[in-house]
Each structure stands twice: as C-alpha cells, then as structure tokens.
Amino acid sequence: MKVALYQPDIPQNLGAMIRLCGCIGASLDIIEPCGFIFDARKIRQSAMDYYDKIEITRHNSWDAFYDMYNGNNRIILMSTKAASPYTHFEFHENDILLAGRESAGVPDNVHESADNRVFIPMQAGFRSLNIVNATSMILGEAIRQTNL
C-alpha cells in the first residue's frame, strides 16, 4: 500500500505522514513542488527517526508521478469533493492513496485522472480533517480490507 502527497504545504504534516507510513508499513510518494523548501534535516526533525526507515519517492511533477504508476496501481484520491464514502469502497493491496494540498486539494486534471475518489463523512458545518488524520482513517480501512 502506498500513500502519496500532492504538493504538500505544511512540513510538519509531511513529518507526521512519514511517521504514519513508517508505523503502518506503507511507502510514501511526494509529488512536488512542495509549498515549503524541502529541507531533509528539518523534515527529519518532525519525522523523528522514521525518515530513513521508510521508502520515500519524490516526483518533480504530477505527470512524472502519474507516468510512473498509471496502469500498475489504482490511484485513489481522498477528497472532500468525492461521491463515495471510504467505508463503501473496496480497496486493493496495490492502491495508492492520494492526498491533496492542505490549502487547495488537487487541480481538476488530477481529480479527473484518479481512478477513484473517496471521502470521509463528516458532521454538517465542518470542512475537513487534518490530512494525516484523514489518511490514517482511510489507510486503516484499506489495510483492514486487504489484510495487509
């Protein structure tokens, strides 16, 4: 199972995502450009000692990421604009869970390129969860379903 971050805005969230992936055993793809200067030393501070313990792949662009995985893995976009709740979705063990930018999600072309889109049902009047919290919920369900 893979997690991918599309142009992350907040370095602390990247560090927390590295920790999540390390603990769960998922690899992490980072689709650049990031909304911050990618300083491995600073990222390691928020990721603690997990940074060097997981597989991290950096991509220069959405196109580079998409070209690498299209046809080999399903890309499942986690989005507040999706139509299907993640609890009603059937995950496969080689899926890539794609999270958008904290500030803006993903552009229309990325949204349309995803093989599927899922959302987390929330109470009325609330916009979204922290990106790492949301990913952990959906990743947990994907792992439960696939018995990874």
C-alpha atoms as a PDB file:
ATOM      1  CA  MET A   1       0.000   0.000   0.000  1.00  0.00           C
ATOM      2  CA  LYS A   2       1.255   3.456  -0.886  1.00  0.00           C
ATOM      3  CA  VAL A   3       0.404   6.964   0.250  1.00  0.00           C
ATOM      4  CA  ALA A   4       1.061   9.947  -2.000  1.00  0.00           C
ATOM      5  CA  LEU A   5       1.041  13.629  -1.092  1.00  0.00           C
ATOM      6  CA  TYR A   6       0.288  16.123  -3.829  1.00  0.00           C
ATOM      7  CA  GLN A   7       2.348  19.285  -3.334  1.00  0.00           C
ATOM      8  CA  PRO A   8       2.190  19.334   0.481  1.00  0.00           C
ATOM      9  CA  ASP A   9       2.022  22.784   2.100  1.00  0.00           C
ATOM     10  CA  ILE A  10       2.978  22.062   5.710  1.00  0.00           C
ATOM     11  CA  PRO A  11       6.327  20.425   6.573  1.00  0.00           C
ATOM     12  CA  GLN A  12       5.060  19.215   9.955  1.00  0.00           C
ATOM     13  CA  ASN A  13       2.288  17.302   8.205  1.00  0.00           C
ATOM     14  CA  LEU A  14       4.876  15.704   5.939  1.00  0.00           C
ATOM     15  CA  GLY A  15       6.835  14.649   9.006  1.00  0.00           C
ATOM     16  CA  ALA A  16       3.712  13.208  10.630  1.00  0.00           C
ATOM     17  CA  MET A  17       2.835  11.384   7.387  1.00  0.00           C
ATOM     18  CA  ILE A  18       6.309   9.843   7.348  1.00  0.00           C
ATOM     19  CA  ARG A  19       5.698   8.623  10.892  1.00  0.00           C
ATOM     20  CA  LEU A  20       2.287   7.212   9.929  1.00  0.00           C
ATOM     21  CA  CYS A  21       3.710   5.397   6.910  1.00  0.00           C
ATOM     22  CA  GLY A  22       6.593   4.044   8.980  1.00  0.00           C
ATOM     23  CA  CYS A  23       4.327   2.671  11.680  1.00  0.00           C
ATOM     24  CA  ILE A  24       1.870   1.138   9.196  1.00  0.00           C
ATOM     25  CA  GLY A  25       4.460  -0.154   6.729  1.00  0.00           C
ATOM     26  CA  ALA A  26       3.359   1.961   3.763  1.00  0.00           C
ATOM     27  CA  SER A  27       5.662   3.732   1.356  1.00  0.00           C
ATOM     28  CA  LEU A  28       5.320   7.461   0.677  1.00  0.00           C
ATOM     29  CA  ASP A  29       5.415   9.359  -2.591  1.00  0.00           C
ATOM     30  CA  ILE A  30       5.834  13.143  -2.551  1.00  0.00           C
ATOM     31  CA  ILE A  31       4.635  14.994  -5.631  1.00  0.00           C
ATOM     32  CA  GLU A  32       6.466  18.304  -5.865  1.00  0.00           C
ATOM     33  CA  PRO A  33       6.724  21.212  -5.789  1.00  0.00           C
ATOM     34  CA  CYS A  34       6.131  21.443  -2.062  1.00  0.00           C
ATOM     35  CA  GLY A  35       4.742  24.625  -0.550  1.00  0.00           C
ATOM     36  CA  PHE A  36       7.943  24.903   1.508  1.00  0.00           C
ATOM     37  CA  ILE A  37      11.650  24.399   0.982  1.00  0.00           C
ATOM     38  CA  PHE A  38      12.288  20.675   1.230  1.00  0.00           C
ATOM     39  CA  ASP A  39      14.998  20.568   3.863  1.00  0.00           C
ATOM     40  CA  ALA A  40      15.668  16.930   4.750  1.00  0.00           C
ATOM     41  CA  ARG A  41      17.182  17.921   8.106  1.00  0.00           C
ATOM     42  CA  LYS A  42      14.059  19.830   9.146  1.00  0.00           C
ATOM     43  CA  ILE A  43      11.751  17.111   7.818  1.00  0.00           C
ATOM     44  CA  ARG A  44      13.731  14.541   9.828  1.00  0.00           C
ATOM     45  CA  GLN A  45      13.080  16.599  12.987  1.00  0.00           C
ATOM     46  CA  SER A  46       9.312  16.275  12.639  1.00  0.00           C
ATOM     47  CA  ALA A  47       9.540  12.711  11.305  1.00  0.00           C
ATOM     48  CA  MET A  48      11.792  11.732  14.232  1.00  0.00           C
ATOM     49  CA  ASP A  49      13.887   8.685  13.379  1.00  0.00           C
ATOM     50  CA  TYR A  50      11.314   7.330  10.900  1.00  0.00           C
ATOM     51  CA  TYR A  51      12.611   9.269   7.870  1.00  0.00           C
ATOM     52  CA  ASP A  52      15.297   6.737   6.974  1.00  0.00           C
ATOM     53  CA  LYS A  53      13.128   3.725   7.786  1.00  0.00           C
ATOM     54  CA  ILE A  54      10.528   4.061   5.032  1.00  0.00           C
ATOM     55  CA  GLU A  55      10.625   4.145   1.262  1.00  0.00           C
ATOM     56  CA  ILE A  56      10.163   7.749   0.130  1.00  0.00           C
ATOM     57  CA  THR A  57       9.964   8.589  -3.563  1.00  0.00           C
ATOM     58  CA  ARG A  58       9.998  12.209  -4.692  1.00  0.00           C
ATOM     59  CA  HIS A  59       8.495  13.205  -8.048  1.00  0.00           C
ATOM     60  CA  ASN A  60       9.176  16.504  -9.825  1.00  0.00           C
ATOM     61  CA  SER A  61       5.587  16.802 -11.034  1.00  0.00           C
ATOM     62  CA  TRP A  62       2.157  15.204 -11.209  1.00  0.00           C
ATOM     63  CA  ASP A  63       2.976  13.971 -14.725  1.00  0.00           C
ATOM     64  CA  ALA A  64       6.137  12.205 -13.523  1.00  0.00           C
ATOM     65  CA  PHE A  65       4.184  10.523 -10.704  1.00  0.00           C
ATOM     66  CA  TYR A  66       1.289   9.583 -12.984  1.00  0.00           C
ATOM     67  CA  ASP A  67       3.570   8.194 -15.688  1.00  0.00           C
ATOM     68  CA  MET A  68       5.315   6.010 -13.115  1.00  0.00           C
ATOM     69  CA  TYR A  69       2.189   4.392 -11.663  1.00  0.00           C
ATOM     70  CA  ASN A  70      -0.604   4.673 -14.243  1.00  0.00           C
ATOM     71  CA  GLY A  71      -1.684   1.202 -15.274  1.00  0.00           C
ATOM     72  CA  ASN A  72       0.209  -0.502 -12.452  1.00  0.00           C
ATOM     73  CA  ASN A  73      -1.654   0.862  -9.435  1.00  0.00           C
ATOM     74  CA  ARG A  74      -5.055   2.394  -8.882  1.00  0.00           C
ATOM     75  CA  ILE A  75      -4.843   5.978  -7.691  1.00  0.00           C
ATOM     76  CA  ILE A  76      -7.489   6.618  -5.044  1.00  0.00           C
ATOM     77  CA  LEU A  77      -7.963  10.313  -4.347  1.00  0.00           C
ATOM     78  CA  MET A  78      -9.018  11.214  -0.814  1.00  0.00           C
ATOM     79  CA  SER A  79     -11.169  14.298  -1.328  1.00  0.00           C
ATOM     80  CA  THR A  80     -13.995  16.225   0.292  1.00  0.00           C
ATOM     81  CA  LYS A  81     -15.377  16.524  -3.263  1.00  0.00           C
ATOM     82  CA  ALA A  82     -15.705  12.766  -3.795  1.00  0.00           C
ATOM     83  CA  ALA A  83     -19.053  10.988  -4.154  1.00  0.00           C
ATOM     84  CA  SER A  84     -18.217   7.691  -2.420  1.00  0.00           C
ATOM     85  CA  PRO A  85     -17.610   7.290   1.326  1.00  0.00           C
ATOM     86  CA  TYR A  86     -14.385   5.399   2.019  1.00  0.00           C
ATOM     87  CA  THR A  87     -16.334   2.850   4.073  1.00  0.00           C
ATOM     88  CA  HIS A  88     -18.283   1.809   0.945  1.00  0.00           C
ATOM     89  CA  PHE A  89     -15.214   1.419  -1.236  1.00  0.00           C
ATOM     90  CA  GLU A  90     -13.361  -1.822  -1.997  1.00  0.00           C
ATOM     91  CA  PHE A  91      -9.613  -1.274  -1.655  1.00  0.00           C
ATOM     92  CA  HIS A  92      -6.895  -3.393  -3.304  1.00  0.00           C
ATOM     93  CA  GLU A  93      -3.479  -4.042  -1.799  1.00  0.00           C
ATOM     94  CA  ASN A  94      -1.602  -2.158  -4.536  1.00  0.00           C
ATOM     95  CA  ASP A  95      -3.719   1.009  -4.322  1.00  0.00           C
ATOM     96  CA  ILE A  96      -2.137   4.421  -3.893  1.00  0.00           C
ATOM     97  CA  LEU A  97      -3.998   6.730  -1.520  1.00  0.00           C
ATOM     98  CA  LEU A  98      -3.533  10.263  -2.838  1.00  0.00           C
ATOM     99  CA  ALA A  99      -3.940  13.295  -0.570  1.00  0.00           C
ATOM    100  CA  GLY A 100      -4.168  16.798  -1.980  1.00  0.00           C
ATOM    101  CA  ARG A 101      -2.631  20.041  -0.764  1.00  0.00           C
ATOM    102  CA  GLU A 102      -3.791  21.125   2.658  1.00  0.00           C
ATOM    103  CA  SER A 103      -4.716  24.564   1.301  1.00  0.00           C
ATOM    104  CA  ALA A 104      -6.308  23.707  -2.044  1.00  0.00           C
ATOM    105  CA  GLY A 105      -6.760  19.964  -2.622  1.00  0.00           C
ATOM    106  CA  VAL A 106      -5.839  18.978  -6.171  1.00  0.00           C
ATOM    107  CA  PRO A 107      -6.489  20.672  -9.508  1.00  0.00           C
ATOM    108  CA  ASP A 108      -9.257  19.376 -11.779  1.00  0.00           C
ATOM    109  CA  ASN A 109      -6.875  17.437 -14.043  1.00  0.00           C
ATOM    110  CA  VAL A 110      -5.536  15.450 -11.067  1.00  0.00           C
ATOM    111  CA  HIS A 111      -9.062  14.897  -9.723  1.00  0.00           C
ATOM    112  CA  GLU A 112     -10.158  13.562 -13.109  1.00  0.00           C
ATOM    113  CA  SER A 113      -7.028  11.401 -13.518  1.00  0.00           C
ATOM    114  CA  ALA A 114      -7.648   9.484 -10.294  1.00  0.00           C
ATOM    115  CA  ASP A 115      -9.104   6.022 -10.789  1.00  0.00           C
ATOM    116  CA  ASN A 116     -11.478   6.528  -7.858  1.00  0.00           C
ATOM    117  CA  ARG A 117     -12.307   9.157  -5.240  1.00  0.00           C
ATOM    118  CA  VAL A 118     -13.390   8.655  -1.641  1.00  0.00           C
ATOM    119  CA  PHE A 119     -14.397  10.936   1.217  1.00  0.00           C
ATOM    120  CA  ILE A 120     -14.854  10.751   4.973  1.00  0.00           C
ATOM    121  CA  PRO A 121     -18.434  11.527   6.054  1.00  0.00           C
ATOM    122  CA  MET A 122     -18.419  14.465   8.493  1.00  0.00           C
ATOM    123  CA  GLN A 123     -20.867  16.394  10.585  1.00  0.00           C
ATOM    124  CA  ALA A 124     -22.629  19.322   8.929  1.00  0.00           C
ATOM    125  CA  GLY A 125     -20.727  22.587   9.146  1.00  0.00           C
ATOM    126  CA  PHE A 126     -17.253  21.012   9.237  1.00  0.00           C
ATOM    127  CA  ARG A 127     -14.955  21.271   6.193  1.00  0.00           C
ATOM    128  CA  SER A 128     -12.158  18.785   6.651  1.00  0.00           C
ATOM    129  CA  LEU A 129      -9.867  16.824   8.920  1.00  0.00           C
ATOM    130  CA  ASN A 130      -6.110  17.215   9.209  1.00  0.00           C
ATOM    131  CA  ILE A 131      -4.545  15.468   6.222  1.00  0.00           C
ATOM    132  CA  VAL A 132      -2.666  12.940   8.363  1.00  0.00           C
ATOM    133  CA  ASN A 133      -5.746  12.110  10.463  1.00  0.00           C
ATOM    134  CA  ALA A 134      -7.833  11.621   7.338  1.00  0.00           C
ATOM    135  CA  THR A 135      -5.181   9.478   5.689  1.00  0.00           C
ATOM    136  CA  SER A 136      -4.811   7.318   8.788  1.00  0.00           C
ATOM    137  CA  MET A 137      -8.560   6.600   8.835  1.00  0.00           C
ATOM    138  CA  ILE A 138      -8.707   5.644   5.163  1.00  0.00           C
ATOM    139  CA  LEU A 139      -5.406   3.748   5.242  1.00  0.00           C
ATOM    140  CA  GLY A 140      -6.634   1.811   8.272  1.00  0.00           C
ATOM    141  CA  GLU A 141      -9.769   0.745   6.405  1.00  0.00           C
ATOM    142  CA  ALA A 142      -7.743  -0.190   3.323  1.00  0.00           C
ATOM    143  CA  ILE A 143      -5.444  -2.346   5.445  1.00  0.00           C
ATOM    144  CA  ARG A 144      -8.407  -3.942   7.238  1.00  0.00           C
ATOM    145  CA  GLN A 145      -9.975  -4.869   3.907  1.00  0.00           C
ATOM    146  CA  THR A 146      -6.819  -6.210   2.297  1.00  0.00           C
ATOM    147  CA  ASN A 147      -5.464  -7.960   5.418  1.00  0.00           C
ATOM    148  CA  LEU A 148      -2.024  -6.386   4.912  1.00  0.00           C
END
